[in-house]
Amino acid sequence: LLDWSSEDQLAVGLGRDVDLWNASTGRASRLCELDTSVCSLRWPRRCCNHLALGLANGDVQIWDTSAGVQLQVLRGHRRRCCAVSWASHVDLFSGSQDTSILHWDLREPCDGRPAQRLAGHAEEVCGLSWSEELQLLASGGNEGDVLLWSRGTLERRLGSHTAACKALDWSPRGVLATGGGTADRSIRLWNGSTGMQLAQAETDAQVCNLAWSQDGELISTHGFSTCEVSIWKNQAGGLSQVHAFHWHQARVLYLAMSPDHQNAAMGTGNEMLCFWHLSPKQIKASPASSSSLSISEGSSLSLTIR
């Protein structure tokens, strides 16, 4: 499990342990050793040292990483908590194998009583992503459904993959990217405002993660059978693959982007942590040239840790 904070800290969850790595200083530390496995973790988008952990017993723990102390335990799920997503530093959503999504208001005492309980999935909720621009929550289920939620109510059913939809990410322009598992292997783009499907691309493997770059390119990581990292562009003709990297020998299960979007951390099925440098390129413009991030040229695998 991986997530990179706006304060340049990478959180890594493996088994029952959660470790922190400060990318600015290079220092690593152990945050906690738990009694049960960590199934999900997420930082808030804005500057905050709070880390949410979803656990195999259904609990959600909130940790103050600067002090190294647990702040809250949220008990409302009956089975493992597979996904967490912050709407703000005091609003948290959690998704579970019990098919529910819970909304927690951290300003109020929780005591196992969430602010809202959202029901719409038939199977495990395995992906959550919050759009700050549209104020919408996207959820993906093990049955393949992709749902949009607004203010605690079901806004729209976008459609369904033919396998679990764990990979979800919003672009700054309100476009939602979703990816399906082994039996589906497709990437789809949706207009979050209208619900219209904008594009679809077939891949050769399960889609494990999706992330947008600053210049609108889409990164996908894959499992069986290619274990590749792919770069996509959404153009007038549809979603097209720009490049595919075949560095990894195992499924690329986890992906986290650095706050400046210059680097990406990837976790693989053989417990290897890899760092990719996403190099900028110069784009010629008239009358002067400008610089933007492009991961379709010059990207490189800079470091691996096992």
C-alpha atoms as a PDB file:
ATOM      1  CA  LEU A   1       0.000   0.000   0.000  1.00  0.00           C
ATOM      2  CA  LEU A   2       1.326   3.448  -0.952  1.00  0.00           C
ATOM      3  CA  ASP A   3       0.314   7.089  -0.684  1.00  0.00           C
ATOM      4  CA  TRP A   4       2.410  10.263  -1.038  1.00  0.00           C
ATOM      5  CA  SER A   5       1.433  13.311   1.025  1.00  0.00           C
ATOM      6  CA  SER A   6       1.519  16.993   0.123  1.00  0.00           C
ATOM      7  CA  GLU A   7       4.249  17.279   2.779  1.00  0.00           C
ATOM      8  CA  ASP A   8       6.453  14.924   0.702  1.00  0.00           C
ATOM      9  CA  GLN A   9       6.064  11.887   2.961  1.00  0.00           C
ATOM     10  CA  LEU A  10       5.496   8.453   1.485  1.00  0.00           C
ATOM     11  CA  ALA A  11       3.388   6.095   3.587  1.00  0.00           C
ATOM     12  CA  VAL A  12       4.003   2.385   3.007  1.00  0.00           C
ATOM     13  CA  GLY A  13       1.755  -0.325   4.396  1.00  0.00           C
ATOM     14  CA  LEU A  14       2.881  -3.956   4.348  1.00  0.00           C
ATOM     15  CA  GLY A  15       1.169  -6.623   6.405  1.00  0.00           C
ATOM     16  CA  ARG A  16       0.644  -5.175   9.878  1.00  0.00           C
ATOM     17  CA  ASP A  17       3.304  -2.468   9.604  1.00  0.00           C
ATOM     18  CA  VAL A  18       3.093   1.128   8.394  1.00  0.00           C
ATOM     19  CA  ASP A  19       6.337   2.962   7.586  1.00  0.00           C
ATOM     20  CA  LEU A  20       7.013   6.564   6.597  1.00  0.00           C
ATOM     21  CA  TRP A  21       9.704   7.830   4.246  1.00  0.00           C
ATOM     22  CA  ASN A  22      10.482  11.535   4.026  1.00  0.00           C
ATOM     23  CA  ALA A  23      11.431  12.180   0.403  1.00  0.00           C
ATOM     24  CA  SER A  24      13.006  15.529   1.268  1.00  0.00           C
ATOM     25  CA  THR A  25      15.410  14.189   3.906  1.00  0.00           C
ATOM     26  CA  GLY A  26      15.596  10.511   2.914  1.00  0.00           C
ATOM     27  CA  ARG A  27      14.756   9.447   6.464  1.00  0.00           C
ATOM     28  CA  ALA A  28      12.539   6.434   7.132  1.00  0.00           C
ATOM     29  CA  SER A  29      10.663   5.581  10.323  1.00  0.00           C
ATOM     30  CA  ARG A  30       8.140   3.043  11.583  1.00  0.00           C
ATOM     31  CA  LEU A  31       4.771   4.652  12.372  1.00  0.00           C
ATOM     32  CA  CYS A  32       3.054   1.632  13.880  1.00  0.00           C
ATOM     33  CA  GLU A  33       2.884  -2.129  14.217  1.00  0.00           C
ATOM     34  CA  LEU A  34      -0.751  -3.197  14.349  1.00  0.00           C
ATOM     35  CA  ASP A  35      -2.618  -6.261  15.563  1.00  0.00           C
ATOM     36  CA  THR A  36      -4.229  -6.801  12.171  1.00  0.00           C
ATOM     37  CA  SER A  37      -3.363  -6.178   8.534  1.00  0.00           C
ATOM     38  CA  VAL A  38      -3.575  -2.799   6.839  1.00  0.00           C
ATOM     39  CA  CYS A  39      -5.876  -2.936   3.781  1.00  0.00           C
ATOM     40  CA  SER A  40      -5.873   0.742   2.728  1.00  0.00           C
ATOM     41  CA  LEU A  41      -4.232   4.050   3.619  1.00  0.00           C
ATOM     42  CA  ARG A  42      -4.586   7.653   2.490  1.00  0.00           C
ATOM     43  CA  TRP A  43      -3.362  11.171   3.293  1.00  0.00           C
ATOM     44  CA  PRO A  44      -5.638  14.222   2.956  1.00  0.00           C
ATOM     45  CA  ARG A  45      -4.953  16.223  -0.196  1.00  0.00           C
ATOM     46  CA  ARG A  46      -4.132  19.443   1.656  1.00  0.00           C
ATOM     47  CA  CYS A  47      -1.289  19.968   4.127  1.00  0.00           C
ATOM     48  CA  CYS A  48      -1.994  17.709   7.065  1.00  0.00           C
ATOM     49  CA  ASN A  49      -0.060  15.138   9.063  1.00  0.00           C
ATOM     50  CA  HIS A  50      -3.073  12.892   9.572  1.00  0.00           C
ATOM     51  CA  LEU A  51      -3.061   9.458   7.949  1.00  0.00           C
ATOM     52  CA  ALA A  52      -6.138   7.223   7.617  1.00  0.00           C
ATOM     53  CA  LEU A  53      -5.640   3.459   7.833  1.00  0.00           C
ATOM     54  CA  GLY A  54      -8.308   0.933   6.826  1.00  0.00           C
ATOM     55  CA  LEU A  55      -7.852  -2.389   8.584  1.00  0.00           C
ATOM     56  CA  ALA A  56      -8.733  -6.026   7.983  1.00  0.00           C
ATOM     57  CA  ASN A  57     -11.078  -6.076  10.996  1.00  0.00           C
ATOM     58  CA  GLY A  58     -13.134  -3.192   9.537  1.00  0.00           C
ATOM     59  CA  ASP A  59     -11.763  -0.444  11.764  1.00  0.00           C
ATOM     60  CA  VAL A  60     -10.449   2.852  10.430  1.00  0.00           C
ATOM     61  CA  GLN A  61      -7.638   4.451  12.418  1.00  0.00           C
ATOM     62  CA  ILE A  62      -6.565   8.097  12.212  1.00  0.00           C
ATOM     63  CA  TRP A  63      -2.898   8.757  13.070  1.00  0.00           C
ATOM     64  CA  ASP A  64      -1.004  11.961  13.737  1.00  0.00           C
ATOM     65  CA  THR A  65       2.235  11.114  11.947  1.00  0.00           C
ATOM     66  CA  SER A  66       4.186  14.110  13.295  1.00  0.00           C
ATOM     67  CA  ALA A  67       3.591  12.973  16.876  1.00  0.00           C
ATOM     68  CA  GLY A  68       3.418   9.253  16.066  1.00  0.00           C
ATOM     69  CA  VAL A  69       0.158   8.776  17.973  1.00  0.00           C
ATOM     70  CA  GLN A  70      -3.240   7.333  17.162  1.00  0.00           C
ATOM     71  CA  LEU A  71      -5.982   9.954  17.337  1.00  0.00           C
ATOM     72  CA  GLN A  72      -9.194   8.056  16.611  1.00  0.00           C
ATOM     73  CA  VAL A  73     -10.595   4.615  15.891  1.00  0.00           C
ATOM     74  CA  LEU A  74     -13.712   4.565  13.709  1.00  0.00           C
ATOM     75  CA  ARG A  75     -15.766   1.400  14.110  1.00  0.00           C
ATOM     76  CA  GLY A  76     -18.669   0.968  11.718  1.00  0.00           C
ATOM     77  CA  HIS A  77     -17.739  -1.678   9.151  1.00  0.00           C
ATOM     78  CA  ARG A  78     -18.377  -5.350   9.757  1.00  0.00           C
ATOM     79  CA  ARG A  79     -15.655  -6.601   7.411  1.00  0.00           C
ATOM     80  CA  ARG A  80     -12.320  -5.362   6.053  1.00  0.00           C
ATOM     81  CA  CYS A  81     -11.953  -1.731   5.012  1.00  0.00           C
ATOM     82  CA  CYS A  82     -10.545  -1.842   1.488  1.00  0.00           C
ATOM     83  CA  ALA A  83     -10.610   1.846   0.518  1.00  0.00           C
ATOM     84  CA  VAL A  84     -10.442   5.268   2.171  1.00  0.00           C
ATOM     85  CA  SER A  85     -10.683   8.747   0.647  1.00  0.00           C
ATOM     86  CA  TRP A  86     -10.610  12.209   2.227  1.00  0.00           C
ATOM     87  CA  ALA A  87     -13.046  14.938   1.131  1.00  0.00           C
ATOM     88  CA  SER A  88     -11.303  17.386   3.491  1.00  0.00           C
ATOM     89  CA  HIS A  89      -9.091  17.134   6.564  1.00  0.00           C
ATOM     90  CA  VAL A  90     -12.231  16.494   8.665  1.00  0.00           C
ATOM     91  CA  ASP A  91     -14.375  14.519   6.183  1.00  0.00           C
ATOM     92  CA  LEU A  92     -13.444  10.923   5.407  1.00  0.00           C
ATOM     93  CA  PHE A  93     -15.088   8.163   3.391  1.00  0.00           C
ATOM     94  CA  SER A  94     -14.358   4.465   3.892  1.00  0.00           C
ATOM     95  CA  GLY A  95     -15.431   1.483   1.774  1.00  0.00           C
ATOM     96  CA  SER A  96     -15.674  -2.095   2.944  1.00  0.00           C
ATOM     97  CA  GLN A  97     -16.092  -5.714   2.015  1.00  0.00           C
ATOM     98  CA  ASP A  98     -19.482  -5.443   3.753  1.00  0.00           C
ATOM     99  CA  THR A  99     -20.563  -3.446   0.610  1.00  0.00           C
ATOM    100  CA  SER A 100     -21.107  -0.182   2.525  1.00  0.00           C
ATOM    101  CA  ILE A 101     -19.489   3.243   2.252  1.00  0.00           C
ATOM    102  CA  LEU A 102     -19.330   5.251   5.489  1.00  0.00           C
ATOM    103  CA  HIS A 103     -18.930   9.015   5.741  1.00  0.00           C
ATOM    104  CA  TRP A 104     -17.141  10.176   8.890  1.00  0.00           C
ATOM    105  CA  ASP A 105     -17.233  13.732  10.264  1.00  0.00           C
ATOM    106  CA  LEU A 106     -14.089  13.873  12.385  1.00  0.00           C
ATOM    107  CA  ARG A 107     -15.276  17.041  14.144  1.00  0.00           C
ATOM    108  CA  GLU A 108     -17.870  14.946  15.972  1.00  0.00           C
ATOM    109  CA  PRO A 109     -17.402  11.995  18.349  1.00  0.00           C
ATOM    110  CA  CYS A 110     -17.850   8.910  16.148  1.00  0.00           C
ATOM    111  CA  ASP A 111     -18.314   5.974  18.525  1.00  0.00           C
ATOM    112  CA  GLY A 112     -19.117   3.683  15.607  1.00  0.00           C
ATOM    113  CA  ARG A 113     -21.787   6.071  14.337  1.00  0.00           C
ATOM    114  CA  PRO A 114     -20.829   7.540  10.993  1.00  0.00           C
ATOM    115  CA  ALA A 115     -22.432  10.729   9.720  1.00  0.00           C
ATOM    116  CA  GLN A 116     -23.844   8.773   6.756  1.00  0.00           C
ATOM    117  CA  ARG A 117     -24.041   5.212   5.502  1.00  0.00           C
ATOM    118  CA  LEU A 118     -24.135   4.851   1.709  1.00  0.00           C
ATOM    119  CA  ALA A 119     -25.513   1.690   0.095  1.00  0.00           C
ATOM    120  CA  GLY A 120     -25.336   1.002  -3.637  1.00  0.00           C
ATOM    121  CA  HIS A 121     -22.809  -1.736  -4.331  1.00  0.00           C
ATOM    122  CA  ALA A 122     -23.711  -5.413  -4.443  1.00  0.00           C
ATOM    123  CA  GLU A 123     -20.210  -6.577  -3.522  1.00  0.00           C
ATOM    124  CA  GLU A 124     -17.053  -5.287  -1.867  1.00  0.00           C
ATOM    125  CA  VAL A 125     -16.249  -1.584  -2.281  1.00  0.00           C
ATOM    126  CA  CYS A 126     -12.659  -1.742  -3.521  1.00  0.00           C
ATOM    127  CA  GLY A 127     -12.020   1.799  -4.805  1.00  0.00           C
ATOM    128  CA  LEU A 128     -12.862   5.364  -3.713  1.00  0.00           C
ATOM    129  CA  SER A 129     -11.823   8.721  -5.179  1.00  0.00           C
ATOM    130  CA  TRP A 130     -12.988  12.234  -4.240  1.00  0.00           C
ATOM    131  CA  SER A 131     -13.265  15.087  -6.751  1.00  0.00           C
ATOM    132  CA  GLU A 132     -12.640  18.410  -5.049  1.00  0.00           C
ATOM    133  CA  GLU A 133     -13.629  20.271  -8.224  1.00  0.00           C
ATOM    134  CA  LEU A 134     -17.038  18.592  -8.600  1.00  0.00           C
ATOM    135  CA  GLN A 135     -17.574  17.708  -4.921  1.00  0.00           C
ATOM    136  CA  LEU A 136     -18.363  14.142  -5.951  1.00  0.00           C
ATOM    137  CA  LEU A 137     -17.259  10.778  -4.589  1.00  0.00           C
ATOM    138  CA  ALA A 138     -16.584   8.004  -7.105  1.00  0.00           C
ATOM    139  CA  SER A 139     -16.751   4.403  -5.913  1.00  0.00           C
ATOM    140  CA  GLY A 140     -15.825   1.152  -7.621  1.00  0.00           C
ATOM    141  CA  GLY A 141     -17.118  -2.243  -6.598  1.00  0.00           C
ATOM    142  CA  ASN A 142     -15.953  -5.812  -6.896  1.00  0.00           C
ATOM    143  CA  GLU A 143     -18.987  -6.417  -9.105  1.00  0.00           C
ATOM    144  CA  GLY A 144     -17.586  -3.785 -11.510  1.00  0.00           C
ATOM    145  CA  ASP A 145     -20.089  -0.961 -10.952  1.00  0.00           C
ATOM    146  CA  VAL A 146     -18.893   2.656 -10.918  1.00  0.00           C
ATOM    147  CA  LEU A 147     -21.082   5.006  -8.837  1.00  0.00           C
ATOM    148  CA  LEU A 148     -21.050   8.753  -8.196  1.00  0.00           C
ATOM    149  CA  TRP A 149     -22.229  10.165  -4.863  1.00  0.00           C
ATOM    150  CA  SER A 150     -23.206  13.749  -4.017  1.00  0.00           C
ATOM    151  CA  ARG A 151     -23.916  14.901  -0.464  1.00  0.00           C
ATOM    152  CA  GLY A 152     -24.456  11.338   0.682  1.00  0.00           C
ATOM    153  CA  THR A 153     -26.921  10.368  -2.029  1.00  0.00           C
ATOM    154  CA  LEU A 154     -26.430   8.312  -5.174  1.00  0.00           C
ATOM    155  CA  GLU A 155     -26.027  10.822  -7.982  1.00  0.00           C
ATOM    156  CA  ARG A 156     -25.422   8.517 -10.923  1.00  0.00           C
ATOM    157  CA  ARG A 157     -24.487   4.997 -12.010  1.00  0.00           C
ATOM    158  CA  LEU A 158     -21.867   5.513 -14.675  1.00  0.00           C
ATOM    159  CA  GLY A 159     -21.697   1.958 -15.941  1.00  0.00           C
ATOM    160  CA  SER A 160     -20.060  -1.324 -15.164  1.00  0.00           C
ATOM    161  CA  HIS A 161     -16.787  -3.062 -15.855  1.00  0.00           C
ATOM    162  CA  THR A 162     -16.954  -6.836 -16.210  1.00  0.00           C
ATOM    163  CA  ALA A 163     -14.559  -7.268 -13.287  1.00  0.00           C
ATOM    164  CA  ALA A 164     -13.645  -5.460 -10.082  1.00  0.00           C
ATOM    165  CA  CYS A 165     -13.065  -1.721 -10.404  1.00  0.00           C
ATOM    166  CA  LYS A 166     -10.320  -0.755  -7.956  1.00  0.00           C
ATOM    167  CA  ALA A 167      -8.493   1.830 -10.091  1.00  0.00           C
ATOM    168  CA  LEU A 168     -10.142   5.276  -9.958  1.00  0.00           C
ATOM    169  CA  ASP A 169      -8.725   8.777 -10.400  1.00  0.00           C
ATOM    170  CA  TRP A 170     -10.158  12.224 -11.144  1.00  0.00           C
ATOM    171  CA  SER A 171      -8.481  14.721 -13.433  1.00  0.00           C
ATOM    172  CA  PRO A 172      -8.506  18.423 -12.455  1.00  0.00           C
ATOM    173  CA  ARG A 173     -11.044  18.945 -15.256  1.00  0.00           C
ATOM    174  CA  GLY A 174     -13.608  16.580 -13.769  1.00  0.00           C
ATOM    175  CA  VAL A 175     -12.853  13.554 -15.935  1.00  0.00           C
ATOM    176  CA  LEU A 176     -12.945  10.247 -14.080  1.00  0.00           C
ATOM    177  CA  ALA A 177     -10.669   7.417 -15.202  1.00  0.00           C
ATOM    178  CA  THR A 178     -11.659   3.877 -14.197  1.00  0.00           C
ATOM    179  CA  GLY A 179     -10.004   0.522 -14.797  1.00  0.00           C
ATOM    180  CA  GLY A 180     -11.252  -3.061 -14.630  1.00  0.00           C
ATOM    181  CA  GLY A 181      -9.705  -6.252 -13.319  1.00  0.00           C
ATOM    182  CA  THR A 182      -8.465  -9.391 -15.045  1.00  0.00           C
ATOM    183  CA  ALA A 183     -11.755 -10.339 -16.722  1.00  0.00           C
ATOM    184  CA  ASP A 184     -12.271  -6.774 -18.009  1.00  0.00           C
ATOM    185  CA  ARG A 185      -8.854  -5.206 -18.738  1.00  0.00           C
ATOM    186  CA  SER A 186     -10.307  -1.911 -19.991  1.00  0.00           C
ATOM    187  CA  ILE A 187      -9.756   1.756 -19.124  1.00  0.00           C
ATOM    188  CA  ARG A 188     -12.704   4.110 -19.429  1.00  0.00           C
ATOM    189  CA  LEU A 189     -13.014   7.883 -19.161  1.00  0.00           C
ATOM    190  CA  TRP A 190     -16.214   9.545 -17.908  1.00  0.00           C
ATOM    191  CA  ASN A 191     -17.488  13.109 -17.808  1.00  0.00           C
ATOM    192  CA  GLY A 192     -18.219  13.564 -14.118  1.00  0.00           C
ATOM    193  CA  SER A 193     -20.789  16.295 -14.708  1.00  0.00           C
ATOM    194  CA  THR A 194     -22.902  14.519 -17.324  1.00  0.00           C
ATOM    195  CA  GLY A 195     -22.061  10.860 -16.737  1.00  0.00           C
ATOM    196  CA  MET A 196     -21.214  10.392 -20.417  1.00  0.00           C
ATOM    197  CA  GLN A 197     -18.480   7.909 -21.318  1.00  0.00           C
ATOM    198  CA  LEU A 198     -15.795   9.824 -23.202  1.00  0.00           C
ATOM    199  CA  ALA A 199     -13.383   7.079 -24.209  1.00  0.00           C
ATOM    200  CA  GLN A 200     -12.506   3.422 -23.751  1.00  0.00           C
ATOM    201  CA  ALA A 201      -9.276   1.526 -24.337  1.00  0.00           C
ATOM    202  CA  GLU A 202      -8.690  -2.216 -24.141  1.00  0.00           C
ATOM    203  CA  THR A 203      -5.490  -3.351 -22.430  1.00  0.00           C
ATOM    204  CA  ASP A 204      -3.781  -6.728 -22.190  1.00  0.00           C
ATOM    205  CA  ALA A 205      -3.902  -7.007 -18.397  1.00  0.00           C
ATOM    206  CA  GLN A 206      -5.812  -6.162 -15.245  1.00  0.00           C
ATOM    207  CA  VAL A 207      -5.733  -2.446 -14.433  1.00  0.00           C
ATOM    208  CA  CYS A 208      -4.365  -2.009 -10.907  1.00  0.00           C
ATOM    209  CA  ASN A 209      -3.930   1.779 -10.685  1.00  0.00           C
ATOM    210  CA  LEU A 210      -4.643   4.976 -12.578  1.00  0.00           C
ATOM    211  CA  ALA A 211      -3.195   8.460 -12.028  1.00  0.00           C
ATOM    212  CA  TRP A 212      -3.350  11.689 -14.030  1.00  0.00           C
ATOM    213  CA  SER A 213      -0.232  13.731 -14.675  1.00  0.00           C
ATOM    214  CA  GLN A 214      -0.247  17.522 -14.566  1.00  0.00           C
ATOM    215  CA  ASP A 215      -0.365  17.815 -18.356  1.00  0.00           C
ATOM    216  CA  GLY A 216      -3.295  15.464 -18.828  1.00  0.00           C
ATOM    217  CA  GLU A 217      -1.518  12.187 -19.558  1.00  0.00           C
ATOM    218  CA  LEU A 218      -2.809   9.105 -17.774  1.00  0.00           C
ATOM    219  CA  ILE A 219      -0.555   6.568 -16.052  1.00  0.00           C
ATOM    220  CA  SER A 220      -1.798   3.013 -15.658  1.00  0.00           C
ATOM    221  CA  THR A 221      -0.129   0.117 -13.855  1.00  0.00           C
ATOM    222  CA  HIS A 222      -1.014  -3.474 -14.634  1.00  0.00           C
ATOM    223  CA  GLY A 223      -1.024  -6.982 -13.274  1.00  0.00           C
ATOM    224  CA  PHE A 224      -1.535 -10.268 -15.081  1.00  0.00           C
ATOM    225  CA  SER A 225      -0.338 -10.796 -17.645  1.00  0.00           C
ATOM    226  CA  THR A 226       1.924  -7.909 -18.690  1.00  0.00           C
ATOM    227  CA  CYS A 227       2.988  -6.293 -15.356  1.00  0.00           C
ATOM    228  CA  GLU A 228       3.655  -3.109 -17.300  1.00  0.00           C
ATOM    229  CA  VAL A 229       3.384   0.631 -16.739  1.00  0.00           C
ATOM    230  CA  SER A 230       1.565   2.437 -19.563  1.00  0.00           C
ATOM    231  CA  ILE A 231       1.138   6.054 -20.597  1.00  0.00           C
ATOM    232  CA  TRP A 232      -2.051   7.226 -22.318  1.00  0.00           C
ATOM    233  CA  LYS A 233      -3.271  10.375 -24.036  1.00  0.00           C
ATOM    234  CA  ASN A 234      -6.906  11.311 -24.471  1.00  0.00           C
ATOM    235  CA  GLN A 235      -7.101  12.840 -27.944  1.00  0.00           C
ATOM    236  CA  ALA A 236      -9.792  13.569 -30.480  1.00  0.00           C
ATOM    237  CA  GLY A 237      -9.629  10.003 -31.776  1.00  0.00           C
ATOM    238  CA  GLY A 238      -9.980   8.505 -28.294  1.00  0.00           C
ATOM    239  CA  LEU A 239      -7.666   7.154 -25.634  1.00  0.00           C
ATOM    240  CA  SER A 240      -4.368   6.033 -27.155  1.00  0.00           C
ATOM    241  CA  GLN A 241      -1.330   4.380 -25.608  1.00  0.00           C
ATOM    242  CA  VAL A 242       1.803   6.496 -25.956  1.00  0.00           C
ATOM    243  CA  HIS A 243       4.318   4.201 -24.298  1.00  0.00           C
ATOM    244  CA  ALA A 244       4.604   0.994 -22.291  1.00  0.00           C
ATOM    245  CA  PHE A 245       7.409   0.166 -19.847  1.00  0.00           C
ATOM    246  CA  HIS A 246       8.252  -3.451 -19.039  1.00  0.00           C
ATOM    247  CA  TRP A 247      10.652  -3.083 -16.112  1.00  0.00           C
ATOM    248  CA  HIS A 248       8.695  -5.090 -13.554  1.00  0.00           C
ATOM    249  CA  GLN A 249       8.702  -8.850 -13.061  1.00  0.00           C
ATOM    250  CA  ALA A 250       5.590  -8.898 -10.863  1.00  0.00           C
ATOM    251  CA  ARG A 251       2.207  -7.180 -10.801  1.00  0.00           C
ATOM    252  CA  VAL A 252       2.416  -3.421 -10.249  1.00  0.00           C
ATOM    253  CA  LEU A 253      -0.191  -3.320  -7.495  1.00  0.00           C
ATOM    254  CA  TYR A 254       0.278   0.156  -6.019  1.00  0.00           C
ATOM    255  CA  LEU A 255       1.026   3.647  -7.324  1.00  0.00           C
ATOM    256  CA  ALA A 256       1.610   6.996  -5.608  1.00  0.00           C
ATOM    257  CA  MET A 257       2.542  10.315  -7.231  1.00  0.00           C
ATOM    258  CA  SER A 258       4.848  12.826  -5.557  1.00  0.00           C
ATOM    259  CA  PRO A 259       3.259  16.218  -4.719  1.00  0.00           C
ATOM    260  CA  ASP A 260       5.193  17.929  -7.533  1.00  0.00           C
ATOM    261  CA  HIS A 261       4.247  15.118  -9.964  1.00  0.00           C
ATOM    262  CA  GLN A 262       7.927  14.687 -10.895  1.00  0.00           C
ATOM    263  CA  ASN A 263       8.219  11.204  -9.377  1.00  0.00           C
ATOM    264  CA  ALA A 264       6.093   8.115  -8.896  1.00  0.00           C
ATOM    265  CA  ALA A 265       6.428   5.301  -6.381  1.00  0.00           C
ATOM    266  CA  MET A 266       5.220   1.842  -7.369  1.00  0.00           C
ATOM    267  CA  GLY A 267       4.815  -1.266  -5.266  1.00  0.00           C
ATOM    268  CA  THR A 268       4.929  -4.708  -6.876  1.00  0.00           C
ATOM    269  CA  GLY A 269       3.688  -8.153  -5.979  1.00  0.00           C
ATOM    270  CA  ASN A 270       7.195  -9.336  -5.068  1.00  0.00           C
ATOM    271  CA  GLU A 271       7.369  -6.669  -2.317  1.00  0.00           C
ATOM    272  CA  MET A 272       9.626  -4.332  -4.286  1.00  0.00           C
ATOM    273  CA  LEU A 273       9.298  -0.551  -4.038  1.00  0.00           C
ATOM    274  CA  CYS A 274      10.308   1.255  -7.236  1.00  0.00           C
ATOM    275  CA  PHE A 275      10.758   4.969  -7.866  1.00  0.00           C
ATOM    276  CA  TRP A 276      10.226   6.430 -11.323  1.00  0.00           C
ATOM    277  CA  HIS A 277      11.482   9.860 -12.329  1.00  0.00           C
ATOM    278  CA  LEU A 278       9.047  11.575 -14.681  1.00  0.00           C
ATOM    279  CA  SER A 279      11.258  13.924 -16.654  1.00  0.00           C
ATOM    280  CA  PRO A 280      10.107  17.272 -18.028  1.00  0.00           C
ATOM    281  CA  LYS A 281      10.515  18.070 -21.680  1.00  0.00           C
ATOM    282  CA  GLN A 282      10.692  21.381 -23.498  1.00  0.00           C
ATOM    283  CA  ILE A 283       7.796  22.135 -25.787  1.00  0.00           C
ATOM    284  CA  LYS A 284       8.447  24.601 -28.593  1.00  0.00           C
ATOM    285  CA  ALA A 285       5.979  27.433 -28.699  1.00  0.00           C
ATOM    286  CA  SER A 286       5.819  30.775 -30.450  1.00  0.00           C
ATOM    287  CA  PRO A 287       7.411  33.104 -29.710  1.00  0.00           C
ATOM    288  CA  ALA A 288       9.082  31.526 -26.657  1.00  0.00           C
ATOM    289  CA  SER A 289       9.352  27.967 -25.372  1.00  0.00           C
ATOM    290  CA  SER A 290       7.588  26.729 -22.261  1.00  0.00           C
ATOM    291  CA  SER A 291       8.140  23.706 -20.052  1.00  0.00           C
ATOM    292  CA  SER A 292       5.559  21.115 -19.079  1.00  0.00           C
ATOM    293  CA  LEU A 293       5.615  17.634 -17.607  1.00  0.00           C
ATOM    294  CA  SER A 294       5.588  14.787 -20.076  1.00  0.00           C
ATOM    295  CA  ILE A 295       5.999  11.198 -19.033  1.00  0.00           C
ATOM    296  CA  SER A 296       5.788   9.841 -22.538  1.00  0.00           C
ATOM    297  CA  GLU A 297       9.430  10.655 -23.248  1.00  0.00           C
ATOM    298  CA  GLY A 298      12.493  10.347 -21.072  1.00  0.00           C
ATOM    299  CA  SER A 299      10.913   8.577 -18.122  1.00  0.00           C
ATOM    300  CA  SER A 300      13.265   6.348 -16.181  1.00  0.00           C
ATOM    301  CA  LEU A 301      13.349   3.880 -13.331  1.00  0.00           C
ATOM    302  CA  SER A 302      15.563   5.640 -10.800  1.00  0.00           C
ATOM    303  CA  LEU A 303      15.602   3.413  -7.686  1.00  0.00           C
ATOM    304  CA  THR A 304      14.336   0.092  -6.403  1.00  0.00           C
ATOM    305  CA  ILE A 305      14.133  -1.049  -2.776  1.00  0.00           C
ATOM    306  CA  ARG A 306      13.337  -4.509  -1.563  1.00  0.00           C
END
